[in-house]
Amino acid sequence: MDQKTKMVLGRKNYTFIIMGCVVVLLGFILMSGGGSQDPNVFNEEEIFSFRRITLAPFLVMSGYGLVLFGIMKKQ
């Protein structure tokens, strides 16, 4: 018998999974922040910005989709 072990997922699969994890991490980084040093000050434009409300969740969901694609893709 051959001593080589066969990987369950191929190199491209792992590449998609790693890229998806990076995109998810980037989405969470973009979603963070928005706090204020003064608790009496509420900056609505900073908290409810396009970056935090639209772009970051889109990146997170796209990253999860990329990870799922990397897992489900046939070799």
C-alpha atoms as a PDB file:
ATOM      1  CA  MET A   1       0.000   0.000   0.000  1.00  0.00           C
ATOM      2  CA  ASP A   2       0.990   3.555  -0.618  1.00  0.00           C
ATOM      3  CA  GLN A   3       2.140   5.438   2.486  1.00  0.00           C
ATOM      4  CA  LYS A   4       0.881   8.811   1.211  1.00  0.00           C
ATOM      5  CA  THR A   5      -2.246  10.074   2.863  1.00  0.00           C
ATOM      6  CA  LYS A   6      -4.924  11.670   0.738  1.00  0.00           C
ATOM      7  CA  MET A   7      -6.220  15.017   1.914  1.00  0.00           C
ATOM      8  CA  VAL A   8      -9.963  15.300   2.224  1.00  0.00           C
ATOM      9  CA  LEU A   9      -9.972  18.801   0.738  1.00  0.00           C
ATOM     10  CA  GLY A  10      -7.684  19.976  -2.002  1.00  0.00           C
ATOM     11  CA  ARG A  11      -5.356  22.950  -2.121  1.00  0.00           C
ATOM     12  CA  LYS A  12      -7.952  25.149  -3.853  1.00  0.00           C
ATOM     13  CA  ASN A  13     -10.510  24.297  -1.176  1.00  0.00           C
ATOM     14  CA  TYR A  14      -8.188  25.452   1.589  1.00  0.00           C
ATOM     15  CA  THR A  15      -7.375  28.595  -0.396  1.00  0.00           C
ATOM     16  CA  PHE A  16     -11.082  29.486  -0.603  1.00  0.00           C
ATOM     17  CA  ILE A  17     -11.552  28.760   3.099  1.00  0.00           C
ATOM     18  CA  ILE A  18      -8.600  30.952   4.102  1.00  0.00           C
ATOM     19  CA  MET A  19      -9.735  33.774   1.791  1.00  0.00           C
ATOM     20  CA  GLY A  20     -13.235  33.552   3.293  1.00  0.00           C
ATOM     21  CA  CYS A  21     -11.843  33.771   6.829  1.00  0.00           C
ATOM     22  CA  VAL A  22      -9.834  36.857   5.875  1.00  0.00           C
ATOM     23  CA  VAL A  23     -12.939  38.506   4.371  1.00  0.00           C
ATOM     24  CA  VAL A  24     -14.967  37.712   7.520  1.00  0.00           C
ATOM     25  CA  LEU A  25     -12.212  39.138   9.715  1.00  0.00           C
ATOM     26  CA  LEU A  26     -12.059  42.282   7.568  1.00  0.00           C
ATOM     27  CA  GLY A  27     -15.840  42.678   7.903  1.00  0.00           C
ATOM     28  CA  PHE A  28     -15.667  42.454  11.684  1.00  0.00           C
ATOM     29  CA  ILE A  29     -12.791  44.943  11.783  1.00  0.00           C
ATOM     30  CA  LEU A  30     -14.809  47.400   9.675  1.00  0.00           C
ATOM     31  CA  MET A  31     -17.819  46.901  11.960  1.00  0.00           C
ATOM     32  CA  SER A  32     -15.903  47.711  15.151  1.00  0.00           C
ATOM     33  CA  GLY A  33     -15.373  51.096  16.734  1.00  0.00           C
ATOM     34  CA  GLY A  34     -17.655  54.072  16.790  1.00  0.00           C
ATOM     35  CA  GLY A  35     -17.403  54.686  20.500  1.00  0.00           C
ATOM     36  CA  SER A  36     -16.935  58.037  22.135  1.00  0.00           C
ATOM     37  CA  GLN A  37     -14.598  59.102  24.925  1.00  0.00           C
ATOM     38  CA  ASP A  38     -17.406  61.111  26.512  1.00  0.00           C
ATOM     39  CA  PRO A  39     -20.426  58.949  27.505  1.00  0.00           C
ATOM     40  CA  ASN A  40     -22.702  61.992  27.217  1.00  0.00           C
ATOM     41  CA  VAL A  41     -21.931  62.434  23.506  1.00  0.00           C
ATOM     42  CA  PHE A  42     -23.742  60.309  20.896  1.00  0.00           C
ATOM     43  CA  ASN A  43     -22.365  60.582  17.364  1.00  0.00           C
ATOM     44  CA  GLU A  44     -25.092  59.135  15.150  1.00  0.00           C
ATOM     45  CA  GLU A  45     -23.206  59.607  11.857  1.00  0.00           C
ATOM     46  CA  GLU A  46     -20.248  57.577  13.104  1.00  0.00           C
ATOM     47  CA  ILE A  47     -22.213  54.669  14.550  1.00  0.00           C
ATOM     48  CA  PHE A  48     -24.802  54.390  11.774  1.00  0.00           C
ATOM     49  CA  SER A  49     -22.411  54.939   8.884  1.00  0.00           C
ATOM     50  CA  PHE A  50     -22.539  53.098   5.555  1.00  0.00           C
ATOM     51  CA  ARG A  51     -19.378  51.211   6.510  1.00  0.00           C
ATOM     52  CA  ARG A  52     -20.848  49.734   9.710  1.00  0.00           C
ATOM     53  CA  ILE A  53     -24.451  49.205   8.625  1.00  0.00           C
ATOM     54  CA  THR A  54     -24.068  48.030   5.014  1.00  0.00           C
ATOM     55  CA  LEU A  55     -20.511  47.261   3.941  1.00  0.00           C
ATOM     56  CA  ALA A  56     -19.258  45.305   6.959  1.00  0.00           C
ATOM     57  CA  PRO A  57     -22.246  42.911   7.227  1.00  0.00           C
ATOM     58  CA  PHE A  58     -22.074  42.339   3.449  1.00  0.00           C
ATOM     59  CA  LEU A  59     -18.387  41.397   3.776  1.00  0.00           C
ATOM     60  CA  VAL A  60     -19.092  39.067   6.703  1.00  0.00           C
ATOM     61  CA  MET A  61     -21.877  37.246   4.849  1.00  0.00           C
ATOM     62  CA  SER A  62     -19.785  37.071   1.660  1.00  0.00           C
ATOM     63  CA  GLY A  63     -16.893  35.624   3.646  1.00  0.00           C
ATOM     64  CA  TYR A  64     -19.130  32.965   5.178  1.00  0.00           C
ATOM     65  CA  GLY A  65     -20.392  32.130   1.691  1.00  0.00           C
ATOM     66  CA  LEU A  66     -16.811  31.824   0.444  1.00  0.00           C
ATOM     67  CA  VAL A  67     -15.936  29.472   3.304  1.00  0.00           C
ATOM     68  CA  LEU A  68     -19.012  27.358   2.559  1.00  0.00           C
ATOM     69  CA  PHE A  69     -18.093  27.284  -1.122  1.00  0.00           C
ATOM     70  CA  GLY A  70     -14.557  26.166  -0.209  1.00  0.00           C
ATOM     71  CA  ILE A  71     -15.937  23.331   1.902  1.00  0.00           C
ATOM     72  CA  MET A  72     -18.531  22.159  -0.631  1.00  0.00           C
ATOM     73  CA  LYS A  73     -16.438  22.479  -3.817  1.00  0.00           C
ATOM     74  CA  LYS A  74     -15.483  19.167  -5.353  1.00  0.00           C
ATOM     75  CA  GLN A  75     -11.836  18.599  -6.134  1.00  0.00           C
END
